[in-house]
Protein backbone atom coordinates (compact mmCIF):
# COMPACT_ATOMS: atom_id res chain seq x y z
CA MET A 1 -12.48 22.75 17.75
CA GLN A 2 -8.82 23.55 17.16
CA PRO A 3 -7.07 21.61 14.40
CA THR A 4 -4.32 20.36 16.73
CA LEU A 5 -6.83 18.97 19.23
CA ARG A 6 -8.82 17.41 16.40
CA SER A 7 -5.66 15.77 15.04
CA PHE A 8 -4.72 14.47 18.48
CA ILE A 9 -8.17 12.98 19.12
CA GLY A 10 -8.23 11.46 15.64
CA SER A 11 -4.76 9.97 16.03
CA VAL A 12 -5.67 8.33 19.34
CA ALA A 13 -8.92 7.04 17.84
CA ILE A 14 -7.04 5.55 14.88
CA LEU A 15 -4.58 3.78 17.17
CA VAL A 16 -7.38 2.36 19.32
CA PHE A 17 -9.35 1.27 16.25
CA LEU A 18 -6.32 -0.40 14.66
CA ALA A 19 -5.46 -2.25 17.86
CA GLY A 20 -9.01 -3.62 18.03
CA TYR A 21 -9.05 -4.40 14.32
CA ILE A 22 -5.78 -6.32 14.49
CA TRP A 23 -7.00 -8.25 17.52
CA ALA A 24 -10.26 -9.15 15.76
CA ALA A 25 -8.53 -10.11 12.50
CA THR A 26 -6.08 -12.42 14.23
CA ALA A 27 -8.86 -13.96 16.36
CA ILE A 28 -10.85 -14.69 13.21
CA ALA A 29 -7.76 -15.97 11.37
CA ASP A 30 -7.13 -18.51 14.12
CA ARG A 31 -10.56 -20.01 13.51
CA LEU A 32 -10.24 -20.32 9.73
CA PRO A 33 -9.78 -23.73 8.13
CA ASP A 34 -6.23 -24.72 7.28
CA ASP A 35 -6.71 -23.98 3.57
CA MET A 36 -4.18 -21.53 2.12
CA ARG A 37 -6.66 -20.12 -0.42
CA ILE A 38 -9.17 -19.18 2.28
CA LYS A 39 -6.46 -17.53 4.37
CA LEU A 40 -5.14 -15.67 1.32
CA VAL A 41 -8.57 -14.20 0.58
CA PHE A 42 -9.20 -13.40 4.24
CA PHE A 43 -5.90 -11.60 4.73
CA ALA A 44 -6.28 -9.73 1.44
CA VAL A 45 -9.70 -8.45 2.51
CA ALA A 46 -8.61 -7.79 6.10
CA GLY A 47 -5.45 -6.05 4.92
CA VAL A 48 -7.38 -3.56 2.81
CA GLY A 49 -10.57 -3.45 4.87
CA TRP A 50 -9.17 -1.36 7.72
CA GLY A 51 -8.91 1.73 5.54
CA LEU A 52 -12.60 2.11 4.79
CA PRO A 53 -13.77 2.81 8.36
CA ILE A 54 -10.87 5.23 8.93
CA LEU A 55 -11.64 7.48 5.94
CA PRO A 56 -14.48 9.43 7.64
CA LEU A 57 -12.28 9.96 10.68
CA MET A 58 -9.43 11.25 8.53
CA THR A 59 -11.85 13.59 6.75
CA TRP A 60 -13.06 14.90 10.11
CA MET A 61 -9.47 15.38 11.29
CA ASN A 62 -8.60 17.50 8.24
CA ARG A 63 -11.76 19.63 8.29
CA GLY A 64 -11.26 23.27 9.13
CA ARG A 65 -7.70 23.65 7.87
């Protein structure tokens, strides 16, 4: 597969994944108790947690260059 096509597919996949991830994170955050410590931990984990599933996709996008 050509690198430009691979980058395009990967970019679209990242945007779709992030849109779903943001939707899910905000839906979960709405159901959390009204305790600031719980929300702080949740948003810290959710804020960093999106990067882990994207790493294999980014590796696939950069393969073959």
